[in-house]
Amino acid sequence: MSALKPTQFIGRIVWLGRVPDRAAALESQSQPGLMTTFAGPEGEAHGGLTRPACSRVKALYKSNTEIRNTRQLTLLSAEDLAATAAAMGLAELDPALVGATMVIEGIPDFSHLPPSSRLQGASGATLVIDMNNRPCTLPARPIEGQHPGFGKRYKTAAKGRRGVTAWVEREGRFALGDTVRLHIPDQPVWAHLDAARAG
């Protein structure tokens, strides 16, 4: 029996982008398609098989320790992005301003997908969900540049709907309009989760 269970949840890719130079700007550039390799999307500044440790894993490693790169992509849902924009008082929010790699519509509660879930595209290309992507202050500047007076509202508005980080398990191409099917780990929720979080 497969340890990963295919679900009836199928999303559609409505936006793709990549960040070509992270040092120059956080914003991603819109793309009609992305070729993904084991190192992530081609031309993506967040790509690579390894990466320097950051604040996400500070309880485990000192800053800049070389670790496996499990955040090659930033995935958002169209629904969460729209809700974030509304909470900020904006009609819409360009995913490029928050450094998105892929925006998917049609999968509910997207930002809370179980870690180790898979999203498989039509080409067979498959992404593994690492974890929930917590909001930070970095998108404030590009948002402020596009929407003066709104940049600082992003972090609070995006709480619980910042999407997920992911890495490439099977290489292949993703294109606008492609569908992706959600597969989830076939296991119960860990019985000691509440106790671990309280510790």
N, C-alpha and C. Protein backbone atom coordinates (compact mmCIF):
# COMPACT_ATOMS: atom_id res chain seq x y z
N MET A 1 0.84 -1.19 0.00
CA MET A 1 0.00 0.00 0.00
C MET A 1 0.88 1.25 0.00
N SER A 2 0.53 2.22 -0.82
CA SER A 2 1.32 3.45 -0.91
C SER A 2 1.23 4.24 0.38
N ALA A 3 2.35 4.82 0.78
CA ALA A 3 2.38 5.68 1.96
C ALA A 3 1.84 7.07 1.65
N LEU A 4 1.63 7.35 0.37
CA LEU A 4 1.06 8.62 -0.05
C LEU A 4 -0.28 8.37 -0.73
N LYS A 5 -1.30 9.07 -0.26
CA LYS A 5 -2.66 8.82 -0.73
C LYS A 5 -3.10 9.90 -1.72
N PRO A 6 -3.43 9.51 -2.97
CA PRO A 6 -3.96 10.51 -3.90
C PRO A 6 -5.30 11.03 -3.40
N THR A 7 -5.53 12.31 -3.55
CA THR A 7 -6.81 12.89 -3.12
C THR A 7 -7.60 13.37 -4.33
N GLN A 8 -8.84 13.80 -4.06
CA GLN A 8 -9.68 14.35 -5.11
C GLN A 8 -9.41 15.84 -5.31
N PHE A 9 -8.47 16.40 -4.55
CA PHE A 9 -8.19 17.83 -4.64
C PHE A 9 -7.20 18.11 -5.77
N ILE A 10 -7.68 18.82 -6.77
CA ILE A 10 -6.86 19.16 -7.93
C ILE A 10 -6.87 20.68 -8.09
N GLY A 11 -5.69 21.26 -8.11
CA GLY A 11 -5.58 22.70 -8.26
C GLY A 11 -5.11 23.06 -9.66
N ARG A 12 -5.23 24.34 -9.99
CA ARG A 12 -4.80 24.83 -11.29
C ARG A 12 -3.78 25.95 -11.09
N ILE A 13 -2.69 25.89 -11.83
CA ILE A 13 -1.64 26.91 -11.72
C ILE A 13 -2.10 28.17 -12.44
N VAL A 14 -2.19 29.28 -11.69
CA VAL A 14 -2.67 30.53 -12.27
C VAL A 14 -1.57 31.59 -12.36
N TRP A 15 -0.40 31.32 -11.78
CA TRP A 15 0.70 32.29 -11.86
C TRP A 15 2.00 31.54 -11.57
N LEU A 16 3.04 31.90 -12.30
CA LEU A 16 4.38 31.34 -12.09
C LEU A 16 5.40 32.48 -12.11
N GLY A 17 6.45 32.34 -11.32
CA GLY A 17 7.48 33.36 -11.31
C GLY A 17 8.78 32.82 -10.76
N ARG A 18 9.83 33.62 -10.89
CA ARG A 18 11.10 33.25 -10.28
C ARG A 18 11.84 34.52 -9.87
N VAL A 19 12.66 34.38 -8.84
CA VAL A 19 13.48 35.48 -8.36
C VAL A 19 14.88 35.27 -8.95
N PRO A 20 15.30 36.10 -9.92
CA PRO A 20 16.58 35.86 -10.57
C PRO A 20 17.79 36.27 -9.74
N ASP A 21 17.62 37.28 -8.88
CA ASP A 21 18.74 37.78 -8.08
C ASP A 21 18.21 38.26 -6.74
N ARG A 22 18.32 37.41 -5.74
CA ARG A 22 17.76 37.71 -4.43
C ARG A 22 18.42 38.93 -3.79
N ALA A 23 19.71 39.13 -4.07
CA ALA A 23 20.42 40.28 -3.50
C ALA A 23 19.92 41.59 -4.09
N ALA A 24 19.45 41.56 -5.34
CA ALA A 24 18.98 42.77 -6.00
C ALA A 24 17.55 43.11 -5.61
N ALA A 25 16.69 42.09 -5.49
CA ALA A 25 15.28 42.34 -5.17
C ALA A 25 14.59 41.05 -4.74
N LEU A 26 13.61 41.19 -3.86
CA LEU A 26 12.81 40.06 -3.42
C LEU A 26 11.78 39.66 -4.47
N GLU A 27 11.33 40.63 -5.26
CA GLU A 27 10.24 40.39 -6.19
C GLU A 27 10.59 39.29 -7.21
N SER A 28 9.58 38.51 -7.54
CA SER A 28 9.75 37.51 -8.59
C SER A 28 9.25 38.09 -9.91
N GLN A 29 9.72 37.49 -10.98
CA GLN A 29 9.34 37.91 -12.32
C GLN A 29 8.40 36.87 -12.92
N SER A 30 7.27 37.33 -13.42
CA SER A 30 6.26 36.44 -13.99
C SER A 30 6.82 35.63 -15.15
N GLN A 31 6.43 34.35 -15.20
CA GLN A 31 6.90 33.43 -16.24
C GLN A 31 5.73 32.61 -16.78
N PRO A 32 5.75 32.25 -18.08
CA PRO A 32 4.69 31.39 -18.62
C PRO A 32 4.87 29.93 -18.24
N GLY A 33 6.09 29.56 -17.88
CA GLY A 33 6.37 28.18 -17.49
C GLY A 33 7.66 28.12 -16.71
N LEU A 34 7.84 27.04 -15.96
CA LEU A 34 9.06 26.83 -15.19
C LEU A 34 9.55 25.40 -15.40
N MET A 35 10.81 25.26 -15.75
CA MET A 35 11.44 23.95 -15.78
C MET A 35 12.08 23.73 -14.41
N THR A 36 11.70 22.65 -13.75
CA THR A 36 12.25 22.37 -12.43
C THR A 36 13.20 21.17 -12.50
N THR A 37 14.33 21.31 -11.83
CA THR A 37 15.30 20.22 -11.69
C THR A 37 15.40 19.89 -10.21
N PHE A 38 16.24 18.93 -9.88
CA PHE A 38 16.40 18.58 -8.47
C PHE A 38 16.93 19.76 -7.65
N ALA A 39 17.51 20.74 -8.32
CA ALA A 39 18.01 21.94 -7.65
C ALA A 39 16.95 23.05 -7.58
N GLY A 40 15.74 22.78 -8.08
CA GLY A 40 14.69 23.78 -8.05
C GLY A 40 14.42 24.35 -9.42
N PRO A 41 13.62 25.42 -9.50
CA PRO A 41 13.32 26.03 -10.80
C PRO A 41 14.59 26.61 -11.42
N GLU A 42 14.76 26.41 -12.71
CA GLU A 42 15.93 26.96 -13.38
C GLU A 42 15.90 28.48 -13.31
N GLY A 43 17.05 29.07 -12.95
CA GLY A 43 17.16 30.51 -12.86
C GLY A 43 16.61 31.11 -11.58
N GLU A 44 16.28 30.29 -10.59
CA GLU A 44 15.70 30.77 -9.33
C GLU A 44 16.79 30.97 -8.28
N ALA A 45 16.83 32.17 -7.69
CA ALA A 45 17.85 32.49 -6.69
C ALA A 45 17.73 31.65 -5.42
N HIS A 46 16.54 31.13 -5.15
CA HIS A 46 16.35 30.28 -3.97
C HIS A 46 16.65 28.81 -4.27
N GLY A 47 17.10 28.52 -5.48
CA GLY A 47 17.38 27.14 -5.87
C GLY A 47 18.68 26.63 -5.28
N GLY A 48 19.03 25.43 -5.70
CA GLY A 48 20.23 24.77 -5.20
C GLY A 48 19.89 23.55 -4.38
N LEU A 49 20.81 22.61 -4.32
CA LEU A 49 20.59 21.40 -3.52
C LEU A 49 20.77 21.69 -2.04
N THR A 50 21.58 22.69 -1.71
CA THR A 50 21.76 23.09 -0.32
C THR A 50 21.52 24.60 -0.20
N ARG A 51 21.42 25.07 1.02
CA ARG A 51 21.23 26.50 1.28
C ARG A 51 21.81 26.82 2.66
N PRO A 52 22.08 28.11 2.93
CA PRO A 52 22.52 28.48 4.26
C PRO A 52 21.33 28.50 5.23
N ALA A 53 21.54 28.00 6.43
CA ALA A 53 20.48 28.00 7.44
C ALA A 53 20.05 29.43 7.75
N CYS A 54 18.74 29.60 7.97
CA CYS A 54 18.18 30.93 8.25
C CYS A 54 17.36 30.86 9.54
N SER A 55 16.58 31.91 9.78
CA SER A 55 15.80 31.98 11.03
C SER A 55 14.77 30.86 11.16
N ARG A 56 14.36 30.26 10.04
CA ARG A 56 13.37 29.17 10.10
C ARG A 56 13.87 27.98 10.92
N VAL A 57 15.17 27.77 10.91
CA VAL A 57 15.75 26.59 11.57
C VAL A 57 16.77 26.98 12.65
N LYS A 58 16.59 28.18 13.24
CA LYS A 58 17.58 28.67 14.20
C LYS A 58 17.65 27.83 15.47
N ALA A 59 16.61 27.05 15.78
CA ALA A 59 16.66 26.17 16.95
C ALA A 59 17.56 24.96 16.70
N LEU A 60 17.91 24.73 15.43
CA LEU A 60 18.71 23.57 15.06
C LEU A 60 20.15 23.94 14.70
N TYR A 61 20.32 25.05 13.96
CA TYR A 61 21.62 25.37 13.38
C TYR A 61 22.00 26.83 13.58
N LYS A 62 23.27 27.09 13.60
CA LYS A 62 23.76 28.46 13.59
C LYS A 62 23.48 29.05 12.21
N SER A 63 23.31 30.35 12.15
CA SER A 63 23.05 31.04 10.90
C SER A 63 24.13 30.73 9.87
N ASN A 64 23.70 30.49 8.64
CA ASN A 64 24.56 30.21 7.49
C ASN A 64 25.19 28.81 7.47
N THR A 65 24.81 27.94 8.41
CA THR A 65 25.24 26.55 8.32
C THR A 65 24.67 25.94 7.03
N GLU A 66 25.48 25.23 6.28
CA GLU A 66 24.98 24.63 5.04
C GLU A 66 24.06 23.45 5.35
N ILE A 67 22.86 23.50 4.82
CA ILE A 67 21.87 22.44 5.03
C ILE A 67 21.18 22.10 3.71
N ARG A 68 20.46 21.01 3.68
CA ARG A 68 19.67 20.62 2.52
C ARG A 68 18.63 21.70 2.22
N ASN A 69 18.45 22.02 0.94
CA ASN A 69 17.50 23.05 0.56
C ASN A 69 16.11 22.47 0.36
N THR A 70 15.23 22.68 1.33
CA THR A 70 13.85 22.21 1.23
C THR A 70 12.89 23.37 0.99
N ARG A 71 13.43 24.54 0.64
CA ARG A 71 12.59 25.70 0.33
C ARG A 71 12.97 26.28 -1.03
N GLN A 72 13.03 25.40 -2.01
CA GLN A 72 13.37 25.82 -3.37
C GLN A 72 12.26 26.64 -4.03
N LEU A 73 11.02 26.44 -3.58
CA LEU A 73 9.87 27.14 -4.15
C LEU A 73 9.00 27.70 -3.03
N THR A 74 8.33 28.81 -3.34
CA THR A 74 7.31 29.37 -2.47
C THR A 74 5.97 29.24 -3.19
N LEU A 75 5.08 28.44 -2.62
CA LEU A 75 3.78 28.17 -3.23
C LEU A 75 2.68 28.89 -2.45
N LEU A 76 1.82 29.57 -3.17
CA LEU A 76 0.69 30.28 -2.56
C LEU A 76 -0.60 29.81 -3.21
N SER A 77 -1.71 30.02 -2.52
CA SER A 77 -3.00 29.76 -3.16
C SER A 77 -3.62 31.08 -3.57
N ALA A 78 -4.35 31.06 -4.67
CA ALA A 78 -5.03 32.26 -5.14
C ALA A 78 -6.02 32.75 -4.08
N GLU A 79 -6.65 31.80 -3.39
CA GLU A 79 -7.63 32.15 -2.37
C GLU A 79 -6.99 32.84 -1.17
N ASP A 80 -5.86 32.31 -0.70
CA ASP A 80 -5.16 32.94 0.43
C ASP A 80 -4.62 34.31 0.04
N LEU A 81 -4.13 34.44 -1.18
CA LEU A 81 -3.60 35.73 -1.65
C LEU A 81 -4.71 36.78 -1.70
N ALA A 82 -5.87 36.38 -2.17
CA ALA A 82 -7.01 37.31 -2.23
C ALA A 82 -7.45 37.70 -0.82
N ALA A 83 -7.47 36.75 0.11
CA ALA A 83 -7.86 37.05 1.49
C ALA A 83 -6.85 37.97 2.16
N THR A 84 -5.57 37.78 1.86
CA THR A 84 -4.53 38.65 2.40
C THR A 84 -4.71 40.07 1.88
N ALA A 85 -4.93 40.20 0.58
CA ALA A 85 -5.15 41.52 -0.02
C ALA A 85 -6.34 42.21 0.64
N ALA A 86 -7.45 41.48 0.81
CA ALA A 86 -8.65 42.06 1.42
C ALA A 86 -8.37 42.52 2.86
N ALA A 87 -7.61 41.71 3.61
CA ALA A 87 -7.28 42.08 4.99
C ALA A 87 -6.40 43.32 5.05
N MET A 88 -5.64 43.55 3.99
CA MET A 88 -4.79 44.73 3.92
C MET A 88 -5.56 45.96 3.44
N GLY A 89 -6.76 45.75 2.89
CA GLY A 89 -7.53 46.85 2.33
C GLY A 89 -7.22 47.10 0.88
N LEU A 90 -6.67 46.09 0.19
CA LEU A 90 -6.34 46.20 -1.23
C LEU A 90 -7.31 45.36 -2.06
N ALA A 91 -7.55 45.78 -3.28
CA ALA A 91 -8.40 45.01 -4.18
C ALA A 91 -7.72 43.73 -4.62
N GLU A 92 -6.40 43.77 -4.79
CA GLU A 92 -5.63 42.58 -5.16
C GLU A 92 -4.17 42.80 -4.78
N LEU A 93 -3.43 41.72 -4.74
CA LEU A 93 -2.01 41.77 -4.40
C LEU A 93 -1.24 40.95 -5.41
N ASP A 94 -0.32 41.59 -6.11
CA ASP A 94 0.50 40.93 -7.13
C ASP A 94 1.42 39.92 -6.44
N PRO A 95 1.36 38.62 -6.81
CA PRO A 95 2.22 37.62 -6.17
C PRO A 95 3.70 37.90 -6.36
N ALA A 96 4.06 38.65 -7.39
CA ALA A 96 5.47 38.99 -7.60
C ALA A 96 6.03 39.78 -6.43
N LEU A 97 5.19 40.60 -5.79
CA LEU A 97 5.65 41.45 -4.70
C LEU A 97 6.03 40.68 -3.45
N VAL A 98 5.54 39.45 -3.32
CA VAL A 98 5.87 38.64 -2.15
C VAL A 98 6.82 37.48 -2.51
N GLY A 99 7.42 37.56 -3.70
CA GLY A 99 8.42 36.58 -4.09
C GLY A 99 7.88 35.19 -4.38
N ALA A 100 6.64 35.10 -4.85
CA ALA A 100 6.03 33.79 -5.11
C ALA A 100 6.68 33.07 -6.29
N THR A 101 6.68 31.75 -6.21
CA THR A 101 7.11 30.91 -7.33
C THR A 101 5.90 30.40 -8.11
N MET A 102 4.86 30.02 -7.37
CA MET A 102 3.69 29.41 -8.00
C MET A 102 2.45 29.78 -7.21
N VAL A 103 1.39 30.16 -7.93
CA VAL A 103 0.09 30.40 -7.30
C VAL A 103 -0.89 29.38 -7.87
N ILE A 104 -1.58 28.69 -6.96
CA ILE A 104 -2.48 27.59 -7.33
C ILE A 104 -3.87 27.92 -6.80
N GLU A 105 -4.89 27.69 -7.61
CA GLU A 105 -6.26 27.88 -7.14
C GLU A 105 -6.97 26.53 -7.06
N GLY A 106 -7.91 26.43 -6.10
CA GLY A 106 -8.77 25.26 -6.04
C GLY A 106 -8.48 24.24 -4.96
N ILE A 107 -7.41 24.42 -4.18
CA ILE A 107 -7.12 23.48 -3.08
C ILE A 107 -7.37 24.21 -1.77
N PRO A 108 -8.35 23.76 -0.98
CA PRO A 108 -8.73 24.49 0.24
C PRO A 108 -7.66 24.43 1.34
N ASP A 109 -7.66 25.49 2.17
CA ASP A 109 -6.76 25.58 3.33
C ASP A 109 -5.32 25.28 2.93
N PHE A 110 -4.92 25.84 1.81
CA PHE A 110 -3.64 25.50 1.17
C PHE A 110 -2.44 25.74 2.08
N SER A 111 -2.46 26.81 2.84
CA SER A 111 -1.30 27.15 3.67
C SER A 111 -1.07 26.17 4.81
N HIS A 112 -2.02 25.26 5.04
CA HIS A 112 -1.89 24.28 6.11
C HIS A 112 -1.84 22.84 5.60
N LEU A 113 -1.40 22.67 4.36
CA LEU A 113 -1.24 21.31 3.84
C LEU A 113 -0.25 20.55 4.70
N PRO A 114 -0.47 19.24 4.91
CA PRO A 114 0.44 18.47 5.74
C PRO A 114 1.85 18.43 5.15
N PRO A 115 2.87 18.62 5.99
CA PRO A 115 4.24 18.44 5.51
C PRO A 115 4.40 17.06 4.88
N SER A 116 5.20 17.00 3.83
CA SER A 116 5.47 15.79 3.05
C SER A 116 4.37 15.45 2.05
N SER A 117 3.33 16.31 1.96
CA SER A 117 2.35 16.14 0.88
C SER A 117 3.05 16.38 -0.46
N ARG A 118 2.47 15.84 -1.52
CA ARG A 118 3.01 16.03 -2.86
C ARG A 118 1.99 16.74 -3.74
N LEU A 119 2.51 17.57 -4.65
CA LEU A 119 1.71 18.17 -5.71
C LEU A 119 2.33 17.70 -7.02
N GLN A 120 1.56 16.92 -7.80
CA GLN A 120 2.09 16.35 -9.03
C GLN A 120 1.41 16.99 -10.23
N GLY A 121 2.24 17.49 -11.16
CA GLY A 121 1.74 18.14 -12.36
C GLY A 121 1.51 17.19 -13.50
N ALA A 122 0.99 17.74 -14.60
CA ALA A 122 0.65 16.94 -15.77
C ALA A 122 1.88 16.28 -16.39
N SER A 123 3.04 16.92 -16.28
CA SER A 123 4.27 16.37 -16.86
C SER A 123 4.87 15.25 -16.01
N GLY A 124 4.32 15.07 -14.81
CA GLY A 124 4.90 14.12 -13.84
C GLY A 124 5.80 14.82 -12.85
N ALA A 125 6.14 16.07 -13.12
CA ALA A 125 6.94 16.84 -12.17
C ALA A 125 6.23 16.89 -10.83
N THR A 126 6.97 16.69 -9.76
CA THR A 126 6.36 16.56 -8.44
C THR A 126 7.11 17.40 -7.42
N LEU A 127 6.32 18.14 -6.62
CA LEU A 127 6.86 18.97 -5.55
C LEU A 127 6.47 18.38 -4.20
N VAL A 128 7.39 18.45 -3.25
CA VAL A 128 7.14 17.99 -1.88
C VAL A 128 6.97 19.21 -0.99
N ILE A 129 5.87 19.26 -0.26
CA ILE A 129 5.63 20.33 0.69
C ILE A 129 6.54 20.14 1.89
N ASP A 130 7.31 21.18 2.21
CA ASP A 130 8.14 21.11 3.41
C ASP A 130 7.34 21.56 4.62
N MET A 131 6.93 22.83 4.66
CA MET A 131 6.15 23.31 5.81
C MET A 131 5.48 24.62 5.48
N ASN A 132 4.63 25.05 6.40
CA ASN A 132 3.97 26.33 6.33
C ASN A 132 5.01 27.44 6.24
N ASN A 133 4.77 28.41 5.37
CA ASN A 133 5.69 29.54 5.19
C ASN A 133 5.19 30.71 6.01
N ARG A 134 5.90 31.05 7.06
CA ARG A 134 5.44 32.13 7.94
C ARG A 134 5.72 33.50 7.31
N PRO A 135 4.79 34.44 7.53
CA PRO A 135 5.00 35.78 6.97
C PRO A 135 6.20 36.48 7.62
N CYS A 136 6.86 37.32 6.84
CA CYS A 136 7.97 38.11 7.36
C CYS A 136 7.82 39.55 6.89
N THR A 137 8.76 40.38 7.26
CA THR A 137 8.67 41.80 6.92
C THR A 137 9.27 42.12 5.55
N LEU A 138 9.99 41.18 4.93
CA LEU A 138 10.69 41.47 3.68
C LEU A 138 9.78 41.96 2.54
N PRO A 139 8.56 41.42 2.39
CA PRO A 139 7.72 41.92 1.29
C PRO A 139 7.21 43.35 1.50
N ALA A 140 7.39 43.90 2.70
CA ALA A 140 6.84 45.23 2.99
C ALA A 140 7.38 46.28 2.02
N ARG A 141 8.68 46.22 1.71
CA ARG A 141 9.26 47.25 0.85
C ARG A 141 8.70 47.21 -0.57
N PRO A 142 8.72 46.04 -1.26
CA PRO A 142 8.14 46.05 -2.61
C PRO A 142 6.65 46.37 -2.63
N ILE A 143 5.92 45.93 -1.60
CA ILE A 143 4.49 46.26 -1.54
C ILE A 143 4.32 47.77 -1.36
N GLU A 144 5.13 48.35 -0.49
CA GLU A 144 5.07 49.78 -0.25
C GLU A 144 5.36 50.57 -1.53
N GLY A 145 6.30 50.07 -2.33
CA GLY A 145 6.62 50.73 -3.58
C GLY A 145 5.46 50.76 -4.56
N GLN A 146 4.64 49.70 -4.52
CA GLN A 146 3.49 49.59 -5.43
C GLN A 146 2.23 50.20 -4.81
N HIS A 147 2.12 50.07 -3.48
CA HIS A 147 0.92 50.53 -2.77
C HIS A 147 1.36 51.34 -1.54
N PRO A 148 1.70 52.60 -1.72
CA PRO A 148 2.19 53.41 -0.60
C PRO A 148 1.22 53.40 0.59
N GLY A 149 1.80 53.16 1.78
CA GLY A 149 1.00 53.12 3.00
C GLY A 149 0.48 51.75 3.38
N PHE A 150 0.72 50.73 2.53
CA PHE A 150 0.17 49.40 2.78
C PHE A 150 1.22 48.34 3.13
N GLY A 151 2.50 48.64 2.89
CA GLY A 151 3.54 47.62 3.08
C GLY A 151 3.56 46.99 4.45
N LYS A 152 3.45 47.80 5.48
CA LYS A 152 3.54 47.28 6.85
C LYS A 152 2.34 46.44 7.25
N ARG A 153 1.28 46.49 6.47
CA ARG A 153 0.09 45.70 6.80
C ARG A 153 0.25 44.22 6.40
N TYR A 154 1.24 43.93 5.58
CA TYR A 154 1.33 42.58 4.99
C TYR A 154 1.53 41.48 6.03
N LYS A 155 2.49 41.63 6.92
CA LYS A 155 2.85 40.54 7.84
C LYS A 155 1.65 40.06 8.65
N THR A 156 0.90 40.99 9.20
CA THR A 156 -0.28 40.62 10.00
C THR A 156 -1.37 40.02 9.12
N ALA A 157 -1.60 40.63 7.97
CA ALA A 157 -2.66 40.17 7.07
C ALA A 157 -2.40 38.78 6.51
N ALA A 158 -1.11 38.44 6.34
CA ALA A 158 -0.75 37.15 5.72
C ALA A 158 -0.62 36.01 6.73
N LYS A 159 -0.80 36.29 8.00
CA LYS A 159 -0.65 35.23 9.01
C LYS A 159 -1.64 34.10 8.73
N GLY A 160 -1.09 32.88 8.65
CA GLY A 160 -1.93 31.70 8.40
C GLY A 160 -2.30 31.50 6.94
N ARG A 161 -1.80 32.39 6.06
CA ARG A 161 -2.12 32.23 4.64
C ARG A 161 -0.96 32.66 3.74
N ARG A 162 0.26 32.41 4.20
CA ARG A 162 1.47 32.77 3.45
C ARG A 162 1.90 31.64 2.51
N GLY A 163 1.14 30.55 2.48
CA GLY A 163 1.50 29.44 1.61
C GLY A 163 2.46 28.47 2.26
N VAL A 164 3.18 27.74 1.43
CA VAL A 164 4.10 26.70 1.90
C VAL A 164 5.39 26.77 1.10
N THR A 165 6.45 26.22 1.69
CA THR A 165 7.69 26.05 0.95
C THR A 165 7.73 24.61 0.43
N ALA A 166 8.49 24.41 -0.65
CA ALA A 166 8.52 23.09 -1.28
C ALA A 166 9.84 22.85 -1.98
N TRP A 167 10.09 21.58 -2.31
CA TRP A 167 11.28 21.20 -3.06
C TRP A 167 10.91 20.17 -4.12
N VAL A 168 11.79 20.02 -5.10
CA VAL A 168 11.50 19.17 -6.26
C VAL A 168 11.88 17.72 -5.99
N GLU A 169 10.89 16.82 -6.09
CA GLU A 169 11.16 15.39 -5.95
C GLU A 169 11.35 14.74 -7.32
N ARG A 170 10.57 15.19 -8.32
CA ARG A 170 10.74 14.70 -9.68
C ARG A 170 10.82 15.89 -10.63
N GLU A 171 11.81 15.87 -11.47
CA GLU A 171 12.03 16.98 -12.39
C GLU A 171 10.95 17.04 -13.46
N GLY A 172 10.75 18.23 -14.01
CA GLY A 172 9.78 18.40 -15.09
C GLY A 172 9.33 19.84 -15.20
N ARG A 173 8.43 20.08 -16.14
CA ARG A 173 7.98 21.43 -16.43
C ARG A 173 6.57 21.69 -15.88
N PHE A 174 6.39 22.89 -15.37
CA PHE A 174 5.08 23.39 -14.97
C PHE A 174 4.75 24.58 -15.86
N ALA A 175 3.49 24.70 -16.28
CA ALA A 175 3.08 25.81 -17.13
C ALA A 175 1.77 26.39 -16.63
N LEU A 176 1.52 27.64 -16.97
CA LEU A 176 0.25 28.26 -16.62
C LEU A 176 -0.92 27.44 -17.15
N GLY A 177 -1.92 27.26 -16.30
CA GLY A 177 -3.09 26.48 -16.70
C GLY A 177 -2.99 25.00 -16.38
N ASP A 178 -1.76 24.51 -16.08
CA ASP A 178 -1.60 23.10 -15.71
C ASP A 178 -2.36 22.80 -14.42
N THR A 179 -2.77 21.54 -14.28
CA THR A 179 -3.37 21.10 -13.02
C THR A 179 -2.32 20.36 -12.20
N VAL A 180 -2.50 20.40 -10.89
CA VAL A 180 -1.66 19.64 -9.97
C VAL A 180 -2.57 18.89 -9.01
N ARG A 181 -2.23 17.64 -8.78
CA ARG A 181 -3.05 16.81 -7.88
C ARG A 181 -2.36 16.65 -6.55
N LEU A 182 -3.14 16.80 -5.48
CA LEU A 182 -2.61 16.69 -4.13
C LEU A 182 -2.59 15.24 -3.66
N HIS A 183 -1.44 14.81 -3.15
CA HIS A 183 -1.27 13.51 -2.49
C HIS A 183 -0.84 13.80 -1.06
N ILE A 184 -1.45 13.11 -0.09
CA ILE A 184 -1.11 13.37 1.31
C ILE A 184 -0.55 12.11 1.97
N PRO A 185 0.28 12.28 3.00
CA PRO A 185 0.79 11.11 3.74
C PRO A 185 -0.37 10.36 4.38
N ASP A 186 -0.38 9.05 4.23
CA ASP A 186 -1.46 8.23 4.77
C ASP A 186 -1.10 7.81 6.19
N GLN A 187 -1.21 8.78 7.11
CA GLN A 187 -0.89 8.50 8.51
C GLN A 187 -1.71 9.42 9.40
N PRO A 188 -1.98 9.00 10.64
CA PRO A 188 -2.76 9.85 11.55
C PRO A 188 -1.92 11.01 12.05
N VAL A 189 -2.59 12.01 12.60
CA VAL A 189 -1.90 13.13 13.25
C VAL A 189 -1.21 12.61 14.51
N TRP A 190 0.03 13.04 14.75
CA TRP A 190 0.80 12.59 15.90
C TRP A 190 0.06 12.94 17.18
N ALA A 191 -0.15 11.95 18.05
CA ALA A 191 -0.96 12.12 19.26
C ALA A 191 -0.36 13.09 20.26
N HIS A 192 0.93 13.36 20.16
CA HIS A 192 1.59 14.22 21.15
C HIS A 192 1.89 15.63 20.62
N LEU A 193 1.22 16.00 19.54
CA LEU A 193 1.50 17.29 18.89
C LEU A 193 1.24 18.47 19.84
N ASP A 194 0.11 18.46 20.54
CA ASP A 194 -0.21 19.58 21.44
C ASP A 194 0.82 19.71 22.55
N ALA A 195 1.27 18.57 23.08
CA ALA A 195 2.27 18.60 24.16
C ALA A 195 3.61 19.12 23.65
N ALA A 196 3.99 18.73 22.45
CA ALA A 196 5.24 19.19 21.87
C ALA A 196 5.22 20.69 21.62
N ARG A 197 4.08 21.22 21.16
CA ARG A 197 3.97 22.65 20.90
C ARG A 197 3.97 23.46 22.19
N ALA A 198 3.48 22.88 23.26
CA ALA A 198 3.41 23.58 24.55
C ALA A 198 4.77 23.63 25.24
N GLY A 199 5.67 22.73 24.84
CA GLY A 199 6.95 22.62 25.53
C GLY A 199 7.92 23.75 25.28
